Amino acid sequence: MKAIRRGGLLFVVLIIGIFLGTLGLRSALLIVTPLFIIWFMLWDEKRYIHTRKKSEHQRYVYRKYP
């Protein structure tokens, strides 16, 4: 999860740099949009895997037999 947070931070820094630079709005959107989509997909997949592992763990019922 730390890697996804770091990627998000890198993404935010990149956005600020592009908008403060001289690329213009269309070029900035052309660069930022695919990166945001990739980051969001990774974040969502990580959350889905975590939820699936949690629900798989809850299915098991351990019983003590005397």
PDB file of N, CA and C in Angstrom:
ATOM      1  N   MET A   1       0.824  -1.190   0.000  1.00  0.00           N
ATOM      2  CA  MET A   1       0.000   0.000   0.000  1.00  0.00           C
ATOM      3  C   MET A   1       0.870   1.257   0.000  1.00  0.00           C
ATOM      4  N   LYS A   2       2.071   1.164   0.581  1.00  0.00           N
ATOM      5  CA  LYS A   2       2.960   2.323   0.594  1.00  0.00           C
ATOM      6  C   LYS A   2       3.366   2.713  -0.815  1.00  0.00           C
ATOM      7  N   ALA A   3       3.555   1.708  -1.671  1.00  0.00           N
ATOM      8  CA  ALA A   3       3.963   2.006  -3.048  1.00  0.00           C
ATOM      9  C   ALA A   3       2.873   2.777  -3.783  1.00  0.00           C
ATOM     10  N   ILE A   4       1.637   2.446  -3.528  1.00  0.00           N
ATOM     11  CA  ILE A   4       0.535   3.149  -4.187  1.00  0.00           C
ATOM     12  C   ILE A   4       0.441   4.585  -3.664  1.00  0.00           C
ATOM     13  N   ARG A   5       0.653   4.768  -2.384  1.00  0.00           N
ATOM     14  CA  ARG A   5       0.639   6.132  -1.825  1.00  0.00           C
ATOM     15  C   ARG A   5       1.778   6.958  -2.407  1.00  0.00           C
ATOM     16  N   ARG A   6       2.964   6.335  -2.504  1.00  0.00           N
ATOM     17  CA  ARG A   6       4.103   7.045  -3.081  1.00  0.00           C
ATOM     18  C   ARG A   6       3.841   7.384  -4.543  1.00  0.00           C
ATOM     19  N   GLY A   7       3.209   6.468  -5.250  1.00  0.00           N
ATOM     20  CA  GLY A   7       2.859   6.747  -6.643  1.00  0.00           C
ATOM     21  C   GLY A   7       1.885   7.903  -6.740  1.00  0.00           C
ATOM     22  N   GLY A   8       0.930   7.959  -5.826  1.00  0.00           N
ATOM     23  CA  GLY A   8      -0.023   9.070  -5.794  1.00  0.00           C
ATOM     24  C   GLY A   8       0.667  10.389  -5.501  1.00  0.00           C
ATOM     25  N   LEU A   9       1.614  10.376  -4.581  1.00  0.00           N
ATOM     26  CA  LEU A   9       2.360  11.587  -4.263  1.00  0.00           C
ATOM     27  C   LEU A   9       3.179  12.036  -5.466  1.00  0.00           C
ATOM     28  N   LEU A  10       3.818  11.096  -6.130  1.00  0.00           N
ATOM     29  CA  LEU A  10       4.572  11.414  -7.333  1.00  0.00           C
ATOM     30  C   LEU A  10       3.660  11.989  -8.407  1.00  0.00           C
ATOM     31  N   PHE A  11       2.463  11.433  -8.507  1.00  0.00           N
ATOM     32  CA  PHE A  11       1.484  11.916  -9.467  1.00  0.00           C
ATOM     33  C   PHE A  11       1.090  13.361  -9.162  1.00  0.00           C
ATOM     34  N   VAL A  12       0.846  13.676  -7.920  1.00  0.00           N
ATOM     35  CA  VAL A  12       0.460  15.037  -7.534  1.00  0.00           C
ATOM     36  C   VAL A  12       1.588  16.014  -7.829  1.00  0.00           C
ATOM     37  N   VAL A  13       2.818  15.621  -7.519  1.00  0.00           N
ATOM     38  CA  VAL A  13       3.960  16.492  -7.791  1.00  0.00           C
ATOM     39  C   VAL A  13       4.100  16.719  -9.298  1.00  0.00           C
ATOM     40  N   LEU A  14       3.884  15.671 -10.072  1.00  0.00           N
ATOM     41  CA  LEU A  14       3.959  15.794 -11.519  1.00  0.00           C
ATOM     42  C   LEU A  14       2.880  16.740 -12.047  1.00  0.00           C
ATOM     43  N   ILE A  15       1.673  16.626 -11.519  1.00  0.00           N
ATOM     44  CA  ILE A  15       0.587  17.526 -11.946  1.00  0.00           C
ATOM     45  C   ILE A  15       0.949  18.981 -11.667  1.00  0.00           C
ATOM     46  N   ILE A  16       1.437  19.245 -10.480  1.00  0.00           N
ATOM     47  CA  ILE A  16       1.798  20.615 -10.124  1.00  0.00           C
ATOM     48  C   ILE A  16       2.897  21.133 -11.044  1.00  0.00           C
ATOM     49  N   GLY A  17       3.888  20.299 -11.307  1.00  0.00           N
ATOM     50  CA  GLY A  17       4.968  20.711 -12.203  1.00  0.00           C
ATOM     51  C   GLY A  17       4.490  20.980 -13.620  1.00  0.00           C
ATOM     52  N   ILE A  18       3.599  20.150 -14.105  1.00  0.00           N
ATOM     53  CA  ILE A  18       3.108  20.350 -15.472  1.00  0.00           C
ATOM     54  C   ILE A  18       2.265  21.615 -15.577  1.00  0.00           C
ATOM     55  N   PHE A  19       1.384  21.837 -14.622  1.00  0.00           N
ATOM     56  CA  PHE A  19       0.543  23.024 -14.691  1.00  0.00           C
ATOM     57  C   PHE A  19       1.332  24.305 -14.429  1.00  0.00           C
ATOM     58  N   LEU A  20       2.396  24.241 -13.671  1.00  0.00           N
ATOM     59  CA  LEU A  20       3.215  25.433 -13.473  1.00  0.00           C
ATOM     60  C   LEU A  20       4.164  25.659 -14.643  1.00  0.00           C
ATOM     61  N   GLY A  21       4.401  24.613 -15.409  1.00  0.00           N
ATOM     62  CA  GLY A  21       5.280  24.718 -16.576  1.00  0.00           C
ATOM     63  C   GLY A  21       4.603  25.398 -17.739  1.00  0.00           C
ATOM     64  N   THR A  22       5.218  25.251 -18.879  1.00  0.00           N
ATOM     65  CA  THR A  22       4.733  25.959 -20.058  1.00  0.00           C
ATOM     66  C   THR A  22       4.123  25.021 -21.093  1.00  0.00           C
ATOM     67  N   LEU A  23       3.679  23.841 -20.691  1.00  0.00           N
ATOM     68  CA  LEU A  23       3.143  22.892 -21.659  1.00  0.00           C
ATOM     69  C   LEU A  23       1.766  23.273 -22.175  1.00  0.00           C
ATOM     70  N   GLY A  24       0.976  23.888 -21.371  1.00  0.00           N
ATOM     71  CA  GLY A  24      -0.388  24.214 -21.765  1.00  0.00           C
ATOM     72  C   GLY A  24      -1.351  23.162 -21.253  1.00  0.00           C
ATOM     73  N   LEU A  25      -2.623  23.457 -21.305  1.00  0.00           N
ATOM     74  CA  LEU A  25      -3.647  22.597 -20.723  1.00  0.00           C
ATOM     75  C   LEU A  25      -3.817  21.294 -21.485  1.00  0.00           C
ATOM     76  N   ARG A  26      -3.859  21.347 -22.795  1.00  0.00           N
ATOM     77  CA  ARG A  26      -4.065  20.119 -23.570  1.00  0.00           C
ATOM     78  C   ARG A  26      -2.919  19.138 -23.391  1.00  0.00           C
ATOM     79  N   SER A  27      -1.694  19.621 -23.435  1.00  0.00           N
ATOM     80  CA  SER A  27      -0.534  18.745 -23.244  1.00  0.00           C
ATOM     81  C   SER A  27      -0.505  18.173 -21.833  1.00  0.00           C
ATOM     82  N   ALA A  28      -0.857  19.002 -20.858  1.00  0.00           N
ATOM     83  CA  ALA A  28      -0.871  18.536 -19.473  1.00  0.00           C
ATOM     84  C   ALA A  28      -1.902  17.435 -19.294  1.00  0.00           C
ATOM     85  N   LEU A  29      -3.097  17.620 -19.861  1.00  0.00           N
ATOM     86  CA  LEU A  29      -4.123  16.587 -19.748  1.00  0.00           C
ATOM     87  C   LEU A  29      -3.724  15.318 -20.493  1.00  0.00           C
ATOM     88  N   LEU A  30      -3.043  15.467 -21.606  1.00  0.00           N
ATOM     89  CA  LEU A  30      -2.588  14.314 -22.375  1.00  0.00           C
ATOM     90  C   LEU A  30      -1.586  13.487 -21.585  1.00  0.00           C
ATOM     91  N   ILE A  31      -0.785  14.116 -20.781  1.00  0.00           N
ATOM     92  CA  ILE A  31       0.211  13.402 -19.973  1.00  0.00           C
ATOM     93  C   ILE A  31      -0.399  12.879 -18.675  1.00  0.00           C
ATOM     94  N   VAL A  32      -1.223  13.676 -18.015  1.00  0.00           N
ATOM     95  CA  VAL A  32      -1.719  13.361 -16.675  1.00  0.00           C
ATOM     96  C   VAL A  32      -2.840  12.323 -16.685  1.00  0.00           C
ATOM     97  N   THR A  33      -3.728  12.372 -17.655  1.00  0.00           N
ATOM     98  CA  THR A  33      -4.898  11.496 -17.661  1.00  0.00           C
ATOM     99  C   THR A  33      -4.537  10.006 -17.656  1.00  0.00           C
ATOM    100  N   PRO A  34      -3.661   9.524 -18.541  1.00  0.00           N
ATOM    101  CA  PRO A  34      -3.315   8.089 -18.480  1.00  0.00           C
ATOM    102  C   PRO A  34      -2.626   7.696 -17.170  1.00  0.00           C
ATOM    103  N   LEU A  35      -1.790   8.583 -16.643  1.00  0.00           N
ATOM    104  CA  LEU A  35      -1.122   8.277 -15.375  1.00  0.00           C
ATOM    105  C   LEU A  35      -2.128   8.168 -14.233  1.00  0.00           C
ATOM    106  N   PHE A  36      -3.109   9.050 -14.212  1.00  0.00           N
ATOM    107  CA  PHE A  36      -4.134   8.994 -13.174  1.00  0.00           C
ATOM    108  C   PHE A  36      -4.961   7.723 -13.295  1.00  0.00           C
ATOM    109  N   ILE A  37      -5.312   7.339 -14.512  1.00  0.00           N
ATOM    110  CA  ILE A  37      -6.102   6.124 -14.714  1.00  0.00           C
ATOM    111  C   ILE A  37      -5.330   4.899 -14.236  1.00  0.00           C
ATOM    112  N   ILE A  38      -4.050   4.817 -14.563  1.00  0.00           N
ATOM    113  CA  ILE A  38      -3.224   3.689 -14.117  1.00  0.00           C
ATOM    114  C   ILE A  38      -3.121   3.663 -12.600  1.00  0.00           C
ATOM    115  N   TRP A  39      -2.883   4.812 -11.980  1.00  0.00           N
ATOM    116  CA  TRP A  39      -2.772   4.865 -10.521  1.00  0.00           C
ATOM    117  C   TRP A  39      -4.082   4.448  -9.855  1.00  0.00           C
ATOM    118  N   PHE A  40      -5.205   4.932 -10.387  1.00  0.00           N
ATOM    119  CA  PHE A  40      -6.502   4.591  -9.811  1.00  0.00           C
ATOM    120  C   PHE A  40      -6.794   3.098  -9.955  1.00  0.00           C
ATOM    121  N   MET A  41      -6.436   2.514 -11.088  1.00  0.00           N
ATOM    122  CA  MET A  41      -6.648   1.083 -11.289  1.00  0.00           C
ATOM    123  C   MET A  41      -5.807   0.266 -10.312  1.00  0.00           C
ATOM    124  N   LEU A  42      -4.578   0.658 -10.086  1.00  0.00           N
ATOM    125  CA  LEU A  42      -3.725  -0.047  -9.117  1.00  0.00           C
ATOM    126  C   LEU A  42      -4.282   0.068  -7.707  1.00  0.00           C
ATOM    127  N   TRP A  43      -4.749   1.235  -7.335  1.00  0.00           N
ATOM    128  CA  TRP A  43      -5.315   1.443  -6.002  1.00  0.00           C
ATOM    129  C   TRP A  43      -6.568   0.594  -5.809  1.00  0.00           C
ATOM    130  N   ASP A  44      -7.431   0.572  -6.822  1.00  0.00           N
ATOM    131  CA  ASP A  44      -8.665  -0.193  -6.734  1.00  0.00           C
ATOM    132  C   ASP A  44      -8.372  -1.693  -6.680  1.00  0.00           C
ATOM    133  N   GLU A  45      -7.416  -2.174  -7.455  1.00  0.00           N
ATOM    134  CA  GLU A  45      -7.057  -3.596  -7.446  1.00  0.00           C
ATOM    135  C   GLU A  45      -6.482  -3.995  -6.089  1.00  0.00           C
ATOM    136  N   LYS A  46      -5.668  -3.146  -5.518  1.00  0.00           N
ATOM    137  CA  LYS A  46      -5.082  -3.435  -4.203  1.00  0.00           C
ATOM    138  C   LYS A  46      -6.193  -3.538  -3.150  1.00  0.00           C
ATOM    139  N   ARG A  47      -7.163  -2.644  -3.206  1.00  0.00           N
ATOM    140  CA  ARG A  47      -8.278  -2.667  -2.249  1.00  0.00           C
ATOM    141  C   ARG A  47      -9.131  -3.921  -2.457  1.00  0.00           C
ATOM    142  N   TYR A  48      -9.345  -4.309  -3.720  1.00  0.00           N
ATOM    143  CA  TYR A  48     -10.135  -5.503  -4.025  1.00  0.00           C
ATOM    144  C   TYR A  48      -9.441  -6.755  -3.496  1.00  0.00           C
ATOM    145  N   ILE A  49      -8.141  -6.864  -3.695  1.00  0.00           N
ATOM    146  CA  ILE A  49      -7.395  -8.028  -3.208  1.00  0.00           C
ATOM    147  C   ILE A  49      -7.457  -8.095  -1.689  1.00  0.00           C
ATOM    148  N   HIS A  50      -7.316  -6.954  -1.022  1.00  0.00           N
ATOM    149  CA  HIS A  50      -7.363  -6.915   0.443  1.00  0.00           C
ATOM    150  C   HIS A  50      -8.738  -7.370   0.940  1.00  0.00           C
ATOM    151  N   THR A  51      -9.800  -6.892   0.305  1.00  0.00           N
ATOM    152  CA  THR A  51     -11.155  -7.274   0.707  1.00  0.00           C
ATOM    153  C   THR A  51     -11.400  -8.758   0.462  1.00  0.00           C
ATOM    154  N   ARG A  52     -10.918  -9.281  -0.665  1.00  0.00           N
ATOM    155  CA  ARG A  52     -11.105 -10.688  -0.981  1.00  0.00           C
ATOM    156  C   ARG A  52     -10.371 -11.582   0.019  1.00  0.00           C
ATOM    157  N   LYS A  53      -9.158 -11.224   0.373  1.00  0.00           N
ATOM    158  CA  LYS A  53      -8.408 -12.008   1.359  1.00  0.00           C
ATOM    159  C   LYS A  53      -9.102 -11.981   2.717  1.00  0.00           C
ATOM    160  N   LYS A  54      -9.641 -10.830   3.080  1.00  0.00           N
ATOM    161  CA  LYS A  54     -10.335 -10.708   4.361  1.00  0.00           C
ATOM    162  C   LYS A  54     -11.588 -11.580   4.380  1.00  0.00           C
ATOM    163  N   SER A  55     -12.343 -11.579   3.278  1.00  0.00           N
ATOM    164  CA  SER A  55     -13.565 -12.376   3.247  1.00  0.00           C
ATOM    165  C   SER A  55     -13.263 -13.868   3.174  1.00  0.00           C
ATOM    166  N   GLU A  56     -12.181 -14.269   2.505  1.00  0.00           N
ATOM    167  CA  GLU A  56     -11.792 -15.680   2.473  1.00  0.00           C
ATOM    168  C   GLU A  56     -11.399 -16.165   3.861  1.00  0.00           C
ATOM    169  N   HIS A  57     -10.748 -15.302   4.612  1.00  0.00           N
ATOM    170  CA  HIS A  57     -10.317 -15.670   5.953  1.00  0.00           C
ATOM    171  C   HIS A  57     -11.520 -15.837   6.882  1.00  0.00           C
ATOM    172  N   GLN A  58     -12.582 -15.090   6.660  1.00  0.00           N
ATOM    173  CA  GLN A  58     -13.750 -15.161   7.532  1.00  0.00           C
ATOM    174  C   GLN A  58     -14.608 -16.388   7.254  1.00  0.00           C
ATOM    175  N   ARG A  59     -14.403 -17.064   6.146  1.00  0.00           N
ATOM    176  CA  ARG A  59     -15.217 -18.236   5.828  1.00  0.00           C
ATOM    177  C   ARG A  59     -14.847 -19.458   6.665  1.00  0.00           C
ATOM    178  N   TYR A  60     -13.626 -19.514   7.086  1.00  0.00           N
ATOM    179  CA  TYR A  60     -13.185 -20.692   7.828  1.00  0.00           C
ATOM    180  C   TYR A  60     -13.721 -20.662   9.253  1.00  0.00           C
ATOM    181  N   VAL A  61     -14.227 -21.806   9.692  1.00  0.00           N
ATOM    182  CA  VAL A  61     -14.728 -21.938  11.056  1.00  0.00           C
ATOM    183  C   VAL A  61     -13.917 -23.039  11.720  1.00  0.00           C
ATOM    184  N   TYR A  62     -13.259 -22.668  12.754  1.00  0.00           N
ATOM    185  CA  TYR A  62     -12.449 -23.641  13.479  1.00  0.00           C
ATOM    186  C   TYR A  62     -13.208 -24.126  14.697  1.00  0.00           C
ATOM    187  N   ARG A  63     -13.312 -25.412  14.836  1.00  0.00           N
ATOM    188  CA  ARG A  63     -14.018 -25.982  15.975  1.00  0.00           C
ATOM    189  C   ARG A  63     -13.054 -26.815  16.803  1.00  0.00           C
ATOM    190  N   LYS A  64     -13.253 -26.742  18.077  1.00  0.00           N
ATOM    191  CA  LYS A  64     -12.470 -27.586  18.986  1.00  0.00           C
ATOM    192  C   LYS A  64     -13.288 -28.807  19.312  1.00  0.00           C
ATOM    193  N   TYR A  65     -12.725 -29.954  19.052  1.00  0.00           N
ATOM    194  CA  TYR A  65     -13.398 -31.181  19.409  1.00  0.00           C
ATOM    195  C   TYR A  65     -12.798 -31.722  20.704  1.00  0.00           C
ATOM    196  N   PRO A  66     -13.646 -32.132  21.623  1.00  0.00           N
ATOM    197  CA  PRO A  66     -13.137 -32.615  22.928  1.00  0.00           C
ATOM    198  C   PRO A  66     -12.413 -33.931  22.824  1.00  0.00           C
TER     199      PRO A  66
END
